Amino acid sequence: MQQLALEQRRLQGARAYWHVGDIAWGLRQHEGREEEWKIRLWVEDGHVAAWSWLKADGRATLECQVHPDHMHLLDEILVEPAAHVAYAFEDDAEMRAALERHGFTEPEESAMHFNVCELDEPPTLPELPAGFRYRTVSDADVAERVAIHRDVWGSPDRPSRVTESSFAHVRAEWPYRESLDCVVEAPDGRFAAYALLWPDDANGVGELEPVGVRDEFRRRGLGAAVCRYALRRWYDEGGRQAIVYCVTEAACGLYESIGFRRHASLLGYARKSRHSASGNSTAL
């Protein structure tokens, strides 16, 4: 799956749907969810030409990636009977036509916006409030690193499923790199903000995913600061482009303020009817 993501980005640049970091983060952040997923691979001449990933996430989301030379596989992927939601760039006529052929015609209200930033020079780091500092994480920081993620992305009704054990799997997964797992540390030693940058060294493209700021530290510019720090470290390691996704106006505004520009919007399309699956694939 990651090899196809690398090849797709080489061919399509920022228009590629997937980054290697998306796959690593998506597969490893939630320990024990493998039984909830259905992953299928289409292999031609010993190489993965396409894959699909059906998620038991309450919406029966179908994710996929298809090599540009094998777009004929789209129909075999989208015939998946259990899928209820699938995705396409709003301006991707070929993908949207394929979705329509299989009944994915009901657009969702919110889109995920794809943003890109060219790193022509090293990003400037803003000065932090007194007592705060930039740094990266180490083995000793795993508990606090997980704690800030759970505080930012969890709620009493729906706590985050990221745990110290699952995050250990993330840290062990290629292409995670400690030097790009960045935080702003508060005077009391807690992490106030964090940004994980996933490297794609082959294409020189880093991905920010995820990014977060604890509620009590917001509106101090720390989200922008920790992202700039991650981008600076990526630049120092040879990266010359970065990508990030956003949904809310606030998040999109933050990334725009540090040099990202929107180039595409990904929209979910739902269907009401279910279809019969067919074709040859390998189920994992």
C-alpha atoms as a PDB file:
ATOM      1  CA  MET A   1       0.000   0.000   0.000  1.00  0.00           C
ATOM      2  CA  GLN A   2       2.779   2.419   0.873  1.00  0.00           C
ATOM      3  CA  GLN A   3       4.766   1.542  -2.233  1.00  0.00           C
ATOM      4  CA  LEU A   4       1.764   2.467  -4.370  1.00  0.00           C
ATOM      5  CA  ALA A   5       1.432   5.725  -2.439  1.00  0.00           C
ATOM      6  CA  LEU A   6       5.069   6.556  -3.203  1.00  0.00           C
ATOM      7  CA  GLU A   7       4.624   5.798  -6.886  1.00  0.00           C
ATOM      8  CA  GLN A   8       1.364   7.738  -7.104  1.00  0.00           C
ATOM      9  CA  ARG A   9       2.974  10.813  -5.556  1.00  0.00           C
ATOM     10  CA  ARG A  10       5.912  10.559  -7.942  1.00  0.00           C
ATOM     11  CA  LEU A  11       3.492  10.568 -10.858  1.00  0.00           C
ATOM     12  CA  GLN A  12       0.823  12.968  -9.617  1.00  0.00           C
ATOM     13  CA  GLY A  13       2.558  15.223  -7.102  1.00  0.00           C
ATOM     14  CA  ALA A  14       0.201  17.098  -4.807  1.00  0.00           C
ATOM     15  CA  ARG A  15      -2.791  15.559  -6.602  1.00  0.00           C
ATOM     16  CA  ALA A  16      -2.022  12.130  -5.157  1.00  0.00           C
ATOM     17  CA  TYR A  17      -4.762  11.099  -2.738  1.00  0.00           C
ATOM     18  CA  TRP A  18      -2.465   9.324  -0.276  1.00  0.00           C
ATOM     19  CA  HIS A  19       0.818   9.930   1.508  1.00  0.00           C
ATOM     20  CA  VAL A  20       2.831   7.083   3.037  1.00  0.00           C
ATOM     21  CA  GLY A  21       2.205   8.692   6.426  1.00  0.00           C
ATOM     22  CA  ASP A  22      -1.571   8.440   5.999  1.00  0.00           C
ATOM     23  CA  ILE A  23      -1.292   4.689   5.680  1.00  0.00           C
ATOM     24  CA  ALA A  24       1.117   4.254   8.582  1.00  0.00           C
ATOM     25  CA  TRP A  25      -0.959   6.460  10.887  1.00  0.00           C
ATOM     26  CA  GLY A  26      -4.275   4.984   9.797  1.00  0.00           C
ATOM     27  CA  LEU A  27      -3.193   1.385  10.235  1.00  0.00           C
ATOM     28  CA  ARG A  28      -1.240   1.699  13.472  1.00  0.00           C
ATOM     29  CA  GLN A  29      -2.907   4.352  15.620  1.00  0.00           C
ATOM     30  CA  HIS A  30      -5.805   2.144  16.721  1.00  0.00           C
ATOM     31  CA  GLU A  31      -4.479  -1.085  18.154  1.00  0.00           C
ATOM     32  CA  GLY A  32      -6.774  -4.072  17.758  1.00  0.00           C
ATOM     33  CA  ARG A  33      -9.006  -2.666  15.004  1.00  0.00           C
ATOM     34  CA  GLU A  34      -7.737  -5.014  12.299  1.00  0.00           C
ATOM     35  CA  GLU A  35     -10.792  -7.255  12.615  1.00  0.00           C
ATOM     36  CA  GLU A  36     -13.011  -4.239  11.872  1.00  0.00           C
ATOM     37  CA  TRP A  37     -11.375  -3.623   8.476  1.00  0.00           C
ATOM     38  CA  LYS A  38     -11.473  -5.314   5.109  1.00  0.00           C
ATOM     39  CA  ILE A  39      -8.356  -4.595   3.055  1.00  0.00           C
ATOM     40  CA  ARG A  40      -8.092  -5.870  -0.516  1.00  0.00           C
ATOM     41  CA  LEU A  41      -5.102  -5.751  -2.855  1.00  0.00           C
ATOM     42  CA  TRP A  42      -5.074  -5.983  -6.637  1.00  0.00           C
ATOM     43  CA  VAL A  43      -1.688  -7.285  -7.801  1.00  0.00           C
ATOM     44  CA  GLU A  44      -0.475  -7.223 -11.404  1.00  0.00           C
ATOM     45  CA  ASP A  45       2.998  -8.392 -12.479  1.00  0.00           C
ATOM     46  CA  GLY A  46       4.075  -8.617  -8.851  1.00  0.00           C
ATOM     47  CA  HIS A  47       3.154  -5.013  -8.017  1.00  0.00           C
ATOM     48  CA  VAL A  48       0.156  -3.619  -6.155  1.00  0.00           C
ATOM     49  CA  ALA A  49      -1.916  -1.865  -8.815  1.00  0.00           C
ATOM     50  CA  ALA A  50      -4.746  -0.903  -6.468  1.00  0.00           C
ATOM     51  CA  TRP A  51      -6.041  -1.384  -2.957  1.00  0.00           C
ATOM     52  CA  SER A  52      -9.233  -0.758  -1.044  1.00  0.00           C
ATOM     53  CA  TRP A  53      -9.846  -0.347   2.660  1.00  0.00           C
ATOM     54  CA  LEU A  54     -13.393  -0.808   3.989  1.00  0.00           C
ATOM     55  CA  LYS A  55     -13.753   0.594   7.501  1.00  0.00           C
ATOM     56  CA  ALA A  56     -16.339  -0.401  10.082  1.00  0.00           C
ATOM     57  CA  ASP A  57     -16.557   3.202  11.276  1.00  0.00           C
ATOM     58  CA  GLY A  58     -20.321   3.626  11.519  1.00  0.00           C
ATOM     59  CA  ARG A  59     -20.495   4.910   7.950  1.00  0.00           C
ATOM     60  CA  ALA A  60     -18.991   1.906   6.131  1.00  0.00           C
ATOM     61  CA  THR A  61     -16.343   4.109   4.519  1.00  0.00           C
ATOM     62  CA  LEU A  62     -14.500   2.756   1.505  1.00  0.00           C
ATOM     63  CA  GLU A  63     -11.021   4.207   0.914  1.00  0.00           C
ATOM     64  CA  CYS A  64      -8.971   3.231  -2.117  1.00  0.00           C
ATOM     65  CA  GLN A  65      -5.977   3.997  -4.291  1.00  0.00           C
ATOM     66  CA  VAL A  66      -5.509   3.015  -7.938  1.00  0.00           C
ATOM     67  CA  HIS A  67      -2.409   3.390 -10.075  1.00  0.00           C
ATOM     68  CA  PRO A  68      -3.073   5.736 -13.023  1.00  0.00           C
ATOM     69  CA  ASP A  69      -2.308   2.902 -15.463  1.00  0.00           C
ATOM     70  CA  HIS A  70      -4.933   0.649 -13.887  1.00  0.00           C
ATOM     71  CA  MET A  71      -8.005   2.851 -13.564  1.00  0.00           C
ATOM     72  CA  HIS A  72     -10.085   0.012 -15.050  1.00  0.00           C
ATOM     73  CA  LEU A  73      -9.970  -1.537 -11.557  1.00  0.00           C
ATOM     74  CA  LEU A  74     -12.156   1.217 -10.100  1.00  0.00           C
ATOM     75  CA  ASP A  75     -15.392  -0.544 -10.983  1.00  0.00           C
ATOM     76  CA  GLU A  76     -14.225  -3.756  -9.352  1.00  0.00           C
ATOM     77  CA  ILE A  77     -13.363  -1.811  -6.186  1.00  0.00           C
ATOM     78  CA  LEU A  78     -16.540   0.263  -6.000  1.00  0.00           C
ATOM     79  CA  VAL A  79     -18.869  -2.694  -6.459  1.00  0.00           C
ATOM     80  CA  GLU A  80     -18.118  -3.550  -2.781  1.00  0.00           C
ATOM     81  CA  PRO A  81     -21.594  -4.310  -1.345  1.00  0.00           C
ATOM     82  CA  ALA A  82     -20.919  -3.200   2.234  1.00  0.00           C
ATOM     83  CA  ALA A  83     -19.606   0.267   1.330  1.00  0.00           C
ATOM     84  CA  HIS A  84     -21.818   3.275   1.998  1.00  0.00           C
ATOM     85  CA  VAL A  85     -19.427   6.235   1.562  1.00  0.00           C
ATOM     86  CA  ALA A  86     -16.576   6.728  -0.922  1.00  0.00           C
ATOM     87  CA  TYR A  87     -14.472   9.748  -1.845  1.00  0.00           C
ATOM     88  CA  ALA A  88     -13.390  11.833  -4.803  1.00  0.00           C
ATOM     89  CA  PHE A  89     -11.864  15.236  -5.429  1.00  0.00           C
ATOM     90  CA  GLU A  90     -14.662  17.601  -6.378  1.00  0.00           C
ATOM     91  CA  ASP A  91     -12.940  18.297  -9.718  1.00  0.00           C
ATOM     92  CA  ASP A  92     -12.004  14.668 -10.493  1.00  0.00           C
ATOM     93  CA  ALA A  93     -14.492  13.879 -13.253  1.00  0.00           C
ATOM     94  CA  GLU A  94     -13.251  10.315 -13.819  1.00  0.00           C
ATOM     95  CA  MET A  95     -13.524   9.291 -10.170  1.00  0.00           C
ATOM     96  CA  ARG A  96     -16.878  10.991  -9.696  1.00  0.00           C
ATOM     97  CA  ALA A  97     -18.262   9.251 -12.789  1.00  0.00           C
ATOM     98  CA  ALA A  98     -17.119   5.898 -11.376  1.00  0.00           C
ATOM     99  CA  LEU A  99     -18.800   6.682  -8.055  1.00  0.00           C
ATOM    100  CA  GLU A 100     -22.031   7.571  -9.816  1.00  0.00           C
ATOM    101  CA  ARG A 101     -21.997   4.284 -11.727  1.00  0.00           C
ATOM    102  CA  HIS A 102     -22.096   2.502  -8.387  1.00  0.00           C
ATOM    103  CA  GLY A 103     -24.698   4.682  -6.701  1.00  0.00           C
ATOM    104  CA  PHE A 104     -22.439   7.020  -4.704  1.00  0.00           C
ATOM    105  CA  THR A 105     -24.411  10.146  -5.567  1.00  0.00           C
ATOM    106  CA  GLU A 106     -25.267  11.860  -2.268  1.00  0.00           C
ATOM    107  CA  PRO A 107     -22.575  14.475  -1.474  1.00  0.00           C
ATOM    108  CA  GLU A 108     -21.742  15.046   2.174  1.00  0.00           C
ATOM    109  CA  GLU A 109     -21.818  18.582   3.563  1.00  0.00           C
ATOM    110  CA  SER A 110     -18.210  18.997   4.658  1.00  0.00           C
ATOM    111  CA  ALA A 111     -15.133  18.520   2.503  1.00  0.00           C
ATOM    112  CA  MET A 112     -11.544  17.752   3.429  1.00  0.00           C
ATOM    113  CA  HIS A 113      -9.270  20.354   1.884  1.00  0.00           C
ATOM    114  CA  PHE A 114      -5.834  19.390   0.551  1.00  0.00           C
ATOM    115  CA  ASN A 115      -3.087  21.966   1.055  1.00  0.00           C
ATOM    116  CA  VAL A 116       0.508  22.179  -0.113  1.00  0.00           C
ATOM    117  CA  CYS A 117       3.463  24.339   0.963  1.00  0.00           C
ATOM    118  CA  GLU A 118       6.702  24.794  -0.975  1.00  0.00           C
ATOM    119  CA  LEU A 119       9.716  25.009   1.317  1.00  0.00           C
ATOM    120  CA  ASP A 120      12.002  27.184  -0.778  1.00  0.00           C
ATOM    121  CA  GLU A 121      13.779  28.430   2.342  1.00  0.00           C
ATOM    122  CA  PRO A 122      13.915  27.377   5.999  1.00  0.00           C
ATOM    123  CA  PRO A 123      10.774  28.447   7.889  1.00  0.00           C
ATOM    124  CA  THR A 124      11.321  31.106  10.539  1.00  0.00           C
ATOM    125  CA  LEU A 125      10.439  30.037  14.063  1.00  0.00           C
ATOM    126  CA  PRO A 126       8.380  32.492  16.124  1.00  0.00           C
ATOM    127  CA  GLU A 127       9.525  33.309  19.634  1.00  0.00           C
ATOM    128  CA  LEU A 128       7.601  31.316  22.220  1.00  0.00           C
ATOM    129  CA  PRO A 129       6.060  32.682  25.445  1.00  0.00           C
ATOM    130  CA  ALA A 130       8.407  32.751  28.428  1.00  0.00           C
ATOM    131  CA  GLY A 131       9.146  29.265  29.754  1.00  0.00           C
ATOM    132  CA  PHE A 132       7.916  27.406  26.668  1.00  0.00           C
ATOM    133  CA  ARG A 133      10.325  25.569  24.381  1.00  0.00           C
ATOM    134  CA  TYR A 134      10.489  23.623  21.132  1.00  0.00           C
ATOM    135  CA  ARG A 135      11.672  20.024  21.191  1.00  0.00           C
ATOM    136  CA  THR A 136      11.108  16.559  19.785  1.00  0.00           C
ATOM    137  CA  VAL A 137       9.919  13.469  21.614  1.00  0.00           C
ATOM    138  CA  SER A 138      11.830  10.421  22.844  1.00  0.00           C
ATOM    139  CA  ASP A 139      10.957   7.076  24.405  1.00  0.00           C
ATOM    140  CA  ALA A 140      10.615   8.749  27.795  1.00  0.00           C
ATOM    141  CA  ASP A 141       7.902  11.061  26.447  1.00  0.00           C
ATOM    142  CA  VAL A 142       5.441   8.465  25.185  1.00  0.00           C
ATOM    143  CA  ALA A 143       2.968   8.813  28.084  1.00  0.00           C
ATOM    144  CA  GLU A 144       2.759  12.607  27.744  1.00  0.00           C
ATOM    145  CA  ARG A 145       2.720  12.426  23.958  1.00  0.00           C
ATOM    146  CA  VAL A 146      -0.277  10.082  24.098  1.00  0.00           C
ATOM    147  CA  ALA A 147      -1.925  12.203  26.784  1.00  0.00           C
ATOM    148  CA  ILE A 148      -1.939  15.365  24.670  1.00  0.00           C
ATOM    149  CA  HIS A 149      -3.331  13.476  21.677  1.00  0.00           C
ATOM    150  CA  ARG A 150      -6.141  12.022  23.790  1.00  0.00           C
ATOM    151  CA  ASP A 151      -6.897  15.445  25.314  1.00  0.00           C
ATOM    152  CA  VAL A 152      -7.084  17.112  21.898  1.00  0.00           C
ATOM    153  CA  TRP A 153      -8.987  14.473  19.944  1.00  0.00           C
ATOM    154  CA  GLY A 154     -11.015  12.677  22.603  1.00  0.00           C
ATOM    155  CA  SER A 155     -14.165  13.595  24.498  1.00  0.00           C
ATOM    156  CA  PRO A 156     -16.064  12.102  27.468  1.00  0.00           C
ATOM    157  CA  ASP A 157     -18.586  10.586  25.066  1.00  0.00           C
ATOM    158  CA  ARG A 158     -16.002   9.374  22.568  1.00  0.00           C
ATOM    159  CA  PRO A 159     -12.515   8.972  24.024  1.00  0.00           C
ATOM    160  CA  SER A 160      -9.578   8.577  21.679  1.00  0.00           C
ATOM    161  CA  ARG A 161      -8.559   5.000  21.004  1.00  0.00           C
ATOM    162  CA  VAL A 162      -4.879   5.927  20.860  1.00  0.00           C
ATOM    163  CA  THR A 163      -3.040   4.342  23.780  1.00  0.00           C
ATOM    164  CA  GLU A 164       0.578   4.054  24.845  1.00  0.00           C
ATOM    165  CA  SER A 165       0.607   0.571  23.362  1.00  0.00           C
ATOM    166  CA  SER A 166      -0.881   1.637  20.001  1.00  0.00           C
ATOM    167  CA  PHE A 167       1.402   4.668  19.828  1.00  0.00           C
ATOM    168  CA  ALA A 168       4.373   2.353  20.337  1.00  0.00           C
ATOM    169  CA  HIS A 169       3.243   0.626  17.134  1.00  0.00           C
ATOM    170  CA  VAL A 170       3.072   4.015  15.394  1.00  0.00           C
ATOM    171  CA  ARG A 171       6.623   4.817  16.492  1.00  0.00           C
ATOM    172  CA  ALA A 172       7.821   1.445  15.200  1.00  0.00           C
ATOM    173  CA  GLU A 173       6.150   1.902  11.807  1.00  0.00           C
ATOM    174  CA  TRP A 174       8.035   3.138   8.736  1.00  0.00           C
ATOM    175  CA  PRO A 175       8.447   6.027   8.013  1.00  0.00           C
ATOM    176  CA  TYR A 176       7.945   7.446  11.553  1.00  0.00           C
ATOM    177  CA  ARG A 177      10.945   9.486  12.682  1.00  0.00           C
ATOM    178  CA  GLU A 178      11.527  10.794  16.215  1.00  0.00           C
ATOM    179  CA  SER A 179      13.286  13.859  14.859  1.00  0.00           C
ATOM    180  CA  LEU A 180      10.043  14.931  13.184  1.00  0.00           C
ATOM    181  CA  ASP A 181       7.669  14.271  16.110  1.00  0.00           C
ATOM    182  CA  CYS A 182       7.578  17.837  17.364  1.00  0.00           C
ATOM    183  CA  VAL A 183       6.130  19.506  20.448  1.00  0.00           C
ATOM    184  CA  VAL A 184       5.978  22.796  22.276  1.00  0.00           C
ATOM    185  CA  GLU A 185       6.635  22.071  25.943  1.00  0.00           C
ATOM    186  CA  ALA A 186       5.008  24.236  28.633  1.00  0.00           C
ATOM    187  CA  PRO A 187       6.917  25.466  31.695  1.00  0.00           C
ATOM    188  CA  ASP A 188       5.414  22.693  33.830  1.00  0.00           C
ATOM    189  CA  GLY A 189       6.731  19.999  31.472  1.00  0.00           C
ATOM    190  CA  ARG A 190       3.427  19.186  29.816  1.00  0.00           C
ATOM    191  CA  PHE A 191       3.094  19.328  26.043  1.00  0.00           C
ATOM    192  CA  ALA A 192       1.056  22.354  25.020  1.00  0.00           C
ATOM    193  CA  ALA A 193       1.033  21.623  21.262  1.00  0.00           C
ATOM    194  CA  TYR A 194       2.311  18.932  18.929  1.00  0.00           C
ATOM    195  CA  ALA A 195       2.760  18.222  15.231  1.00  0.00           C
ATOM    196  CA  LEU A 196       3.839  14.914  13.754  1.00  0.00           C
ATOM    197  CA  LEU A 197       5.463  15.168  10.333  1.00  0.00           C
ATOM    198  CA  TRP A 198       5.652  12.018   8.227  1.00  0.00           C
ATOM    199  CA  PRO A 199       8.553  12.003   5.741  1.00  0.00           C
ATOM    200  CA  ASP A 200       8.455  10.806   2.168  1.00  0.00           C
ATOM    201  CA  ASP A 201      12.156  11.028   1.381  1.00  0.00           C
ATOM    202  CA  ALA A 202      11.761   9.552  -2.097  1.00  0.00           C
ATOM    203  CA  ASN A 203       9.578  12.461  -3.218  1.00  0.00           C
ATOM    204  CA  GLY A 204      10.768  15.106  -0.748  1.00  0.00           C
ATOM    205  CA  VAL A 205       7.228  15.595   0.587  1.00  0.00           C
ATOM    206  CA  GLY A 206       6.370  15.682   4.293  1.00  0.00           C
ATOM    207  CA  GLU A 207       2.872  15.376   5.733  1.00  0.00           C
ATOM    208  CA  LEU A 208       1.620  17.010   8.929  1.00  0.00           C
ATOM    209  CA  GLU A 209      -0.700  14.471  10.577  1.00  0.00           C
ATOM    210  CA  PRO A 210      -1.899  14.896  13.269  1.00  0.00           C
ATOM    211  CA  VAL A 211      -1.570  18.387  14.775  1.00  0.00           C
ATOM    212  CA  GLY A 212      -3.083  19.510  18.068  1.00  0.00           C
ATOM    213  CA  VAL A 213      -3.111  22.120  20.835  1.00  0.00           C
ATOM    214  CA  ARG A 214      -4.524  21.556  24.313  1.00  0.00           C
ATOM    215  CA  ASP A 215      -7.556  23.747  25.054  1.00  0.00           C
ATOM    216  CA  GLU A 216      -5.892  25.753  27.822  1.00  0.00           C
ATOM    217  CA  PHE A 217      -3.006  26.740  25.536  1.00  0.00           C
ATOM    218  CA  ARG A 218      -5.001  27.872  22.535  1.00  0.00           C
ATOM    219  CA  ARG A 219      -5.044  31.386  21.063  1.00  0.00           C
ATOM    220  CA  ARG A 220      -1.341  31.871  21.800  1.00  0.00           C
ATOM    221  CA  GLY A 221      -0.057  30.981  18.351  1.00  0.00           C
ATOM    222  CA  LEU A 222       1.311  27.644  19.512  1.00  0.00           C
ATOM    223  CA  GLY A 223      -0.389  25.620  16.780  1.00  0.00           C
ATOM    224  CA  ALA A 224       1.268  27.673  14.066  1.00  0.00           C
ATOM    225  CA  ALA A 225       4.543  27.662  16.006  1.00  0.00           C
ATOM    226  CA  VAL A 226       4.771  23.872  16.379  1.00  0.00           C
ATOM    227  CA  CYS A 227       3.886  23.395  12.698  1.00  0.00           C
ATOM    228  CA  ARG A 228       6.628  25.807  11.675  1.00  0.00           C
ATOM    229  CA  TYR A 229       9.028  23.910  13.915  1.00  0.00           C
ATOM    230  CA  ALA A 230       8.117  20.602  12.247  1.00  0.00           C
ATOM    231  CA  LEU A 231       8.480  22.165   8.800  1.00  0.00           C
ATOM    232  CA  ARG A 232      11.867  23.629   9.770  1.00  0.00           C
ATOM    233  CA  ARG A 233      13.115  20.247  10.913  1.00  0.00           C
ATOM    234  CA  TRP A 234      11.829  18.688   7.695  1.00  0.00           C
ATOM    235  CA  TYR A 235      13.618  21.358   5.664  1.00  0.00           C
ATOM    236  CA  ASP A 236      16.832  20.680   7.584  1.00  0.00           C
ATOM    237  CA  GLU A 237      16.488  16.980   6.704  1.00  0.00           C
ATOM    238  CA  GLY A 238      16.151  17.760   3.008  1.00  0.00           C
ATOM    239  CA  GLY A 239      12.391  18.162   2.559  1.00  0.00           C
ATOM    240  CA  ARG A 240      11.254  20.821   0.110  1.00  0.00           C
ATOM    241  CA  GLN A 241       7.474  20.374   0.140  1.00  0.00           C
ATOM    242  CA  ALA A 242       4.828  19.649   2.752  1.00  0.00           C
ATOM    243  CA  ILE A 243       1.148  18.782   2.686  1.00  0.00           C
ATOM    244  CA  VAL A 244      -1.651  18.945   5.231  1.00  0.00           C
ATOM    245  CA  TYR A 245      -5.396  18.365   5.254  1.00  0.00           C
ATOM    246  CA  CYS A 246      -8.040  20.438   7.004  1.00  0.00           C
ATOM    247  CA  VAL A 247     -11.807  20.458   7.413  1.00  0.00           C
ATOM    248  CA  THR A 248     -12.725  23.345   9.725  1.00  0.00           C
ATOM    249  CA  GLU A 249     -12.341  27.004   8.859  1.00  0.00           C
ATOM    250  CA  ALA A 250     -10.095  27.543  11.886  1.00  0.00           C
ATOM    251  CA  ALA A 251      -7.684  24.762  10.935  1.00  0.00           C
ATOM    252  CA  CYS A 252      -7.579  25.812   7.291  1.00  0.00           C
ATOM    253  CA  GLY A 253      -6.892  29.402   8.359  1.00  0.00           C
ATOM    254  CA  LEU A 254      -3.998  28.296  10.563  1.00  0.00           C
ATOM    255  CA  TYR A 255      -2.309  26.408   7.731  1.00  0.00           C
ATOM    256  CA  GLU A 256      -2.860  29.251   5.285  1.00  0.00           C
ATOM    257  CA  SER A 257      -1.195  31.623   7.756  1.00  0.00           C
ATOM    258  CA  ILE A 258       2.044  29.601   7.648  1.00  0.00           C
ATOM    259  CA  GLY A 259       2.285  29.312   3.883  1.00  0.00           C
ATOM    260  CA  PHE A 260       0.006  26.471   2.782  1.00  0.00           C
ATOM    261  CA  ARG A 261      -2.326  26.935  -0.190  1.00  0.00           C
ATOM    262  CA  ARG A 262      -5.407  24.883  -0.979  1.00  0.00           C
ATOM    263  CA  HIS A 263      -5.272  22.983  -4.268  1.00  0.00           C
ATOM    264  CA  ALA A 264      -8.127  20.452  -4.016  1.00  0.00           C
ATOM    265  CA  SER A 265     -11.109  19.417  -1.901  1.00  0.00           C
ATOM    266  CA  LEU A 266     -12.056  15.814  -1.182  1.00  0.00           C
ATOM    267  CA  LEU A 267     -15.754  15.098  -0.718  1.00  0.00           C
ATOM    268  CA  GLY A 268     -17.546  12.009   0.521  1.00  0.00           C
ATOM    269  CA  TYR A 269     -20.397  10.611  -1.558  1.00  0.00           C
ATOM    270  CA  ALA A 270     -22.960   8.286   0.024  1.00  0.00           C
ATOM    271  CA  ARG A 271     -25.207   5.734  -1.599  1.00  0.00           C
ATOM    272  CA  LYS A 272     -28.479   4.228  -0.489  1.00  0.00           C
ATOM    273  CA  SER A 273     -28.376   0.950  -2.355  1.00  0.00           C
ATOM    274  CA  ARG A 274     -25.895  -1.886  -1.963  1.00  0.00           C
ATOM    275  CA  HIS A 275     -24.298  -3.822  -4.808  1.00  0.00           C
ATOM    276  CA  SER A 276     -22.852  -7.284  -5.231  1.00  0.00           C
ATOM    277  CA  ALA A 277     -19.082  -7.645  -5.115  1.00  0.00           C
ATOM    278  CA  SER A 278     -17.166  -9.408  -7.873  1.00  0.00           C
ATOM    279  CA  GLY A 279     -13.663  -9.727  -9.273  1.00  0.00           C
ATOM    280  CA  ASN A 280     -10.362 -11.127  -8.170  1.00  0.00           C
ATOM    281  CA  SER A 281      -8.541  -9.723  -5.169  1.00  0.00           C
ATOM    282  CA  THR A 282      -6.593 -10.762  -2.148  1.00  0.00           C
ATOM    283  CA  ALA A 283      -8.358 -10.131   1.154  1.00  0.00           C
ATOM    284  CA  LEU A 284      -6.214  -9.406   4.201  1.00  0.00           C
END
